């Protein structure tokens, strides 16, 4: 199997999308105009994580509470979990972690 950069990017994006926390209650949360404002559940998943030409970006300018959600959400440590899950997927393809 040939491993391409596009394949790696898509898998990493898919993993981050599946692991990102999403609020269950509807409506906006936080003060509008601040970096902790979330207009709707799933804002982090839909607007904070996107693909670039060189990889995946977690954009603090669009969603300022990425770090806060990583530490205090119902899914704490989703960034680290996503990276570890991606590394384990690479190992399953025959890679090694040194």
N, C-alpha and C. Protein backbone atom coordinates (compact mmCIF):
# COMPACT_ATOMS: atom_id res chain seq x y z
N UNK A 1 0.84 -1.16 0.00
CA UNK A 1 0.00 0.00 0.00
C UNK A 1 0.89 1.24 0.00
N UNK A 2 0.60 2.16 -0.87
CA UNK A 2 1.37 3.40 -0.95
C UNK A 2 0.74 4.42 -0.01
N UNK A 3 1.55 5.00 0.85
CA UNK A 3 1.09 6.00 1.81
C UNK A 3 1.38 7.37 1.24
N UNK A 4 0.36 8.20 1.10
CA UNK A 4 0.53 9.54 0.56
C UNK A 4 0.25 10.58 1.64
N UNK A 5 0.72 11.79 1.39
CA UNK A 5 0.50 12.88 2.33
C UNK A 5 -1.00 13.19 2.47
N UNK A 6 -1.72 13.14 1.36
CA UNK A 6 -3.16 13.40 1.40
C UNK A 6 -3.87 12.36 2.26
N UNK A 7 -3.44 11.11 2.16
CA UNK A 7 -4.04 10.05 2.97
C UNK A 7 -3.78 10.31 4.46
N UNK A 8 -2.57 10.72 4.80
CA UNK A 8 -2.23 11.01 6.19
C UNK A 8 -3.02 12.21 6.71
N UNK A 9 -3.13 13.25 5.89
CA UNK A 9 -3.89 14.43 6.29
C UNK A 9 -5.36 14.09 6.53
N UNK A 10 -5.94 13.33 5.62
CA UNK A 10 -7.35 12.98 5.76
C UNK A 10 -7.60 12.14 7.01
N UNK A 11 -6.71 11.21 7.30
CA UNK A 11 -6.88 10.37 8.49
C UNK A 11 -6.74 11.19 9.77
N UNK A 12 -5.74 12.08 9.81
CA UNK A 12 -5.54 12.93 10.98
C UNK A 12 -6.74 13.85 11.18
N UNK A 13 -7.27 14.42 10.11
CA UNK A 13 -8.45 15.28 10.18
C UNK A 13 -9.66 14.49 10.69
N UNK A 14 -9.84 13.30 10.17
CA UNK A 14 -10.94 12.44 10.58
C UNK A 14 -10.85 12.11 12.08
N UNK A 15 -9.64 11.83 12.56
CA UNK A 15 -9.44 11.50 13.98
C UNK A 15 -9.75 12.71 14.85
N UNK A 16 -9.27 13.90 14.46
CA UNK A 16 -9.54 15.10 15.25
C UNK A 16 -11.03 15.41 15.25
N UNK A 17 -11.71 15.23 14.12
CA UNK A 17 -13.15 15.48 14.06
C UNK A 17 -13.91 14.54 14.99
N UNK A 18 -13.51 13.27 15.01
CA UNK A 18 -14.24 12.31 15.84
C UNK A 18 -13.96 12.49 17.33
N UNK A 19 -12.79 13.00 17.70
CA UNK A 19 -12.44 13.15 19.11
C UNK A 19 -12.77 14.51 19.70
N UNK A 20 -13.12 15.50 18.89
CA UNK A 20 -13.37 16.83 19.42
C UNK A 20 -14.66 16.85 20.24
N UNK A 21 -14.65 17.59 21.36
CA UNK A 21 -15.84 17.63 22.22
C UNK A 21 -16.94 18.50 21.61
N UNK A 22 -18.18 18.09 21.82
CA UNK A 22 -19.34 18.83 21.33
C UNK A 22 -20.33 18.96 22.49
N UNK A 23 -20.77 20.19 22.75
CA UNK A 23 -21.76 20.42 23.80
C UNK A 23 -23.07 19.77 23.43
N UNK A 24 -23.81 19.32 24.42
CA UNK A 24 -25.10 18.69 24.18
C UNK A 24 -26.25 19.70 24.20
N UNK A 25 -26.08 20.79 24.96
CA UNK A 25 -27.16 21.78 25.04
C UNK A 25 -27.03 22.77 23.90
N UNK A 26 -28.17 23.28 23.43
CA UNK A 26 -28.18 24.20 22.30
C UNK A 26 -27.97 25.64 22.71
N UNK A 27 -27.78 26.48 21.73
CA UNK A 27 -27.66 27.90 21.98
C UNK A 27 -26.23 28.36 22.19
N UNK A 28 -26.09 29.67 22.21
CA UNK A 28 -24.78 30.29 22.37
C UNK A 28 -24.33 30.24 23.83
N UNK A 29 -23.01 30.18 24.02
CA UNK A 29 -22.42 30.17 25.35
C UNK A 29 -21.27 31.16 25.36
N UNK A 30 -21.15 31.94 26.42
CA UNK A 30 -20.07 32.90 26.55
C UNK A 30 -20.49 34.28 26.07
N UNK A 31 -19.57 35.23 26.25
CA UNK A 31 -19.84 36.61 25.87
C UNK A 31 -19.40 36.84 24.43
N UNK A 32 -20.29 37.33 23.61
CA UNK A 32 -19.99 37.59 22.20
C UNK A 32 -18.82 38.59 22.10
N UNK A 33 -17.90 38.29 21.20
CA UNK A 33 -16.73 39.14 21.01
C UNK A 33 -15.51 38.68 21.77
N UNK A 34 -15.66 37.72 22.67
CA UNK A 34 -14.52 37.19 23.41
C UNK A 34 -14.07 35.88 22.76
N UNK A 35 -12.90 35.42 23.17
CA UNK A 35 -12.38 34.18 22.57
C UNK A 35 -13.02 32.92 23.16
N UNK A 36 -13.83 33.05 24.19
CA UNK A 36 -14.52 31.89 24.76
C UNK A 36 -15.98 31.81 24.33
N UNK A 37 -16.36 32.54 23.30
CA UNK A 37 -17.74 32.53 22.79
C UNK A 37 -17.94 31.37 21.83
N UNK A 38 -19.00 30.61 22.06
CA UNK A 38 -19.36 29.51 21.17
C UNK A 38 -20.80 29.73 20.71
N UNK A 39 -21.01 30.02 19.43
CA UNK A 39 -22.36 30.33 18.97
C UNK A 39 -23.31 29.14 18.92
N UNK A 40 -22.79 27.92 18.79
CA UNK A 40 -23.65 26.74 18.73
C UNK A 40 -22.84 25.50 19.08
N UNK A 41 -23.50 24.41 19.50
CA UNK A 41 -22.77 23.17 19.76
C UNK A 41 -22.12 22.66 18.47
N UNK A 42 -20.90 22.23 18.57
CA UNK A 42 -20.18 21.75 17.39
C UNK A 42 -19.34 22.81 16.71
N UNK A 43 -19.28 24.02 17.28
CA UNK A 43 -18.50 25.09 16.68
C UNK A 43 -17.03 24.71 16.59
N UNK A 44 -16.49 24.12 17.65
CA UNK A 44 -15.09 23.69 17.65
C UNK A 44 -14.85 22.65 16.56
N UNK A 45 -15.72 21.70 16.47
CA UNK A 45 -15.57 20.62 15.49
C UNK A 45 -15.68 21.14 14.06
N UNK A 46 -16.60 22.07 13.81
CA UNK A 46 -16.86 22.55 12.45
C UNK A 46 -15.95 23.70 12.02
N UNK A 47 -15.56 24.58 12.94
CA UNK A 47 -14.80 25.77 12.56
C UNK A 47 -13.38 25.83 13.10
N UNK A 48 -13.08 25.11 14.16
CA UNK A 48 -11.77 25.21 14.79
C UNK A 48 -10.74 24.28 14.21
N UNK A 49 -11.16 23.23 13.53
CA UNK A 49 -10.25 22.24 12.98
C UNK A 49 -10.43 22.22 11.47
N UNK A 50 -9.35 22.49 10.74
CA UNK A 50 -9.46 22.42 9.28
C UNK A 50 -8.14 22.03 8.66
N UNK A 51 -8.21 21.59 7.40
CA UNK A 51 -7.03 21.15 6.69
C UNK A 51 -6.37 22.35 5.99
N UNK A 52 -5.04 22.33 5.99
CA UNK A 52 -4.25 23.30 5.24
C UNK A 52 -3.42 22.53 4.22
N UNK A 53 -2.60 23.25 3.47
CA UNK A 53 -1.77 22.57 2.48
C UNK A 53 -0.66 21.74 3.11
N UNK A 54 -0.33 22.03 4.37
CA UNK A 54 0.75 21.31 5.02
C UNK A 54 0.30 20.39 6.15
N UNK A 55 -0.99 20.34 6.45
CA UNK A 55 -1.46 19.46 7.52
C UNK A 55 -2.81 19.88 8.07
N UNK A 56 -2.96 19.72 9.37
CA UNK A 56 -4.20 20.06 10.07
C UNK A 56 -3.91 21.26 10.97
N UNK A 57 -4.87 22.17 11.06
CA UNK A 57 -4.68 23.34 11.91
C UNK A 57 -5.81 23.43 12.92
N UNK A 58 -5.43 23.65 14.18
CA UNK A 58 -6.39 23.99 15.24
C UNK A 58 -6.29 25.50 15.39
N UNK A 59 -7.27 26.23 14.91
CA UNK A 59 -7.17 27.68 14.79
C UNK A 59 -7.75 28.39 16.00
N UNK A 60 -6.87 28.95 16.82
CA UNK A 60 -7.28 29.71 18.00
C UNK A 60 -7.91 31.04 17.61
N UNK A 61 -7.65 31.54 16.41
CA UNK A 61 -8.25 32.80 15.98
C UNK A 61 -9.73 32.63 15.69
N UNK A 62 -10.14 31.49 15.17
CA UNK A 62 -11.55 31.24 14.90
C UNK A 62 -12.28 30.72 16.12
N UNK A 63 -11.64 29.83 16.89
CA UNK A 63 -12.23 29.24 18.10
C UNK A 63 -11.19 29.37 19.20
N UNK A 64 -11.36 30.36 20.06
CA UNK A 64 -10.36 30.66 21.06
C UNK A 64 -10.34 29.74 22.26
N UNK A 65 -11.31 28.89 22.40
CA UNK A 65 -11.40 28.03 23.59
C UNK A 65 -10.90 26.62 23.33
N UNK A 66 -10.08 26.41 22.33
CA UNK A 66 -9.56 25.08 22.01
C UNK A 66 -8.79 24.51 23.20
N UNK A 67 -7.88 25.28 23.76
CA UNK A 67 -7.10 24.83 24.91
C UNK A 67 -7.95 24.61 26.14
N UNK A 68 -8.92 25.50 26.36
CA UNK A 68 -9.83 25.36 27.50
C UNK A 68 -10.64 24.07 27.36
N UNK A 69 -11.15 23.81 26.17
CA UNK A 69 -11.93 22.59 25.93
C UNK A 69 -11.06 21.35 26.08
N UNK A 70 -9.79 21.46 25.69
CA UNK A 70 -8.89 20.32 25.83
C UNK A 70 -8.67 19.95 27.29
N UNK A 71 -8.73 20.94 28.16
CA UNK A 71 -8.46 20.69 29.57
C UNK A 71 -9.71 20.42 30.39
N UNK A 72 -10.82 21.11 30.10
CA UNK A 72 -11.97 21.07 31.00
C UNK A 72 -13.24 20.46 30.41
N UNK A 73 -13.25 19.99 29.19
CA UNK A 73 -14.47 19.47 28.59
C UNK A 73 -14.81 18.08 29.13
N UNK A 74 -15.91 17.51 28.64
CA UNK A 74 -16.27 16.14 29.02
C UNK A 74 -15.34 15.13 28.37
N UNK A 75 -14.59 15.55 27.35
CA UNK A 75 -13.57 14.71 26.71
C UNK A 75 -12.21 15.38 26.91
N UNK A 76 -11.69 15.43 28.14
CA UNK A 76 -10.41 16.12 28.35
C UNK A 76 -9.27 15.39 27.64
N UNK A 77 -8.33 16.18 27.15
CA UNK A 77 -7.17 15.63 26.48
C UNK A 77 -7.44 15.13 25.08
N UNK A 78 -8.43 15.72 24.39
CA UNK A 78 -8.78 15.23 23.05
C UNK A 78 -7.66 15.47 22.04
N UNK A 79 -6.84 16.49 22.24
CA UNK A 79 -5.73 16.73 21.32
C UNK A 79 -4.68 15.63 21.45
N UNK A 80 -4.29 15.33 22.68
CA UNK A 80 -3.31 14.27 22.92
C UNK A 80 -3.86 12.92 22.49
N UNK A 81 -5.14 12.67 22.77
CA UNK A 81 -5.76 11.41 22.38
C UNK A 81 -5.76 11.26 20.86
N UNK A 82 -6.04 12.34 20.15
CA UNK A 82 -6.06 12.29 18.69
C UNK A 82 -4.68 12.01 18.12
N UNK A 83 -3.66 12.64 18.69
CA UNK A 83 -2.29 12.42 18.22
C UNK A 83 -1.87 10.97 18.48
N UNK A 84 -2.18 10.47 19.67
CA UNK A 84 -1.83 9.08 19.99
C UNK A 84 -2.58 8.09 19.12
N UNK A 85 -3.85 8.37 18.84
CA UNK A 85 -4.63 7.49 17.97
C UNK A 85 -4.05 7.48 16.55
N UNK A 86 -3.60 8.65 16.08
CA UNK A 86 -2.98 8.74 14.76
C UNK A 86 -1.67 7.95 14.73
N UNK A 87 -0.87 8.08 15.77
CA UNK A 87 0.39 7.33 15.83
C UNK A 87 0.14 5.83 15.86
N UNK A 88 -0.86 5.40 16.59
CA UNK A 88 -1.18 3.97 16.63
C UNK A 88 -1.67 3.48 15.26
N UNK A 89 -2.37 4.32 14.54
CA UNK A 89 -2.80 3.96 13.18
C UNK A 89 -1.58 3.80 12.27
N UNK A 90 -0.59 4.70 12.43
CA UNK A 90 0.64 4.59 11.64
C UNK A 90 1.39 3.30 11.98
N UNK A 91 1.40 2.93 13.24
CA UNK A 91 2.05 1.68 13.66
C UNK A 91 1.32 0.50 13.04
N UNK A 92 0.01 0.56 12.97
CA UNK A 92 -0.75 -0.54 12.38
C UNK A 92 -0.46 -0.69 10.88
N UNK A 93 0.02 0.39 10.25
CA UNK A 93 0.39 0.32 8.84
C UNK A 93 1.82 -0.21 8.65
N UNK A 94 2.53 -0.40 9.74
CA UNK A 94 3.88 -0.93 9.66
C UNK A 94 4.96 0.04 10.09
N UNK A 95 4.57 1.20 10.59
CA UNK A 95 5.55 2.17 11.05
C UNK A 95 6.06 1.82 12.44
N UNK A 96 7.09 2.55 12.88
CA UNK A 96 7.63 2.36 14.22
C UNK A 96 7.76 3.70 14.91
N UNK A 97 7.55 3.71 16.21
CA UNK A 97 7.76 4.89 17.03
C UNK A 97 9.09 4.72 17.72
N UNK A 98 10.01 5.66 17.47
CA UNK A 98 11.34 5.56 18.11
C UNK A 98 11.53 6.63 19.13
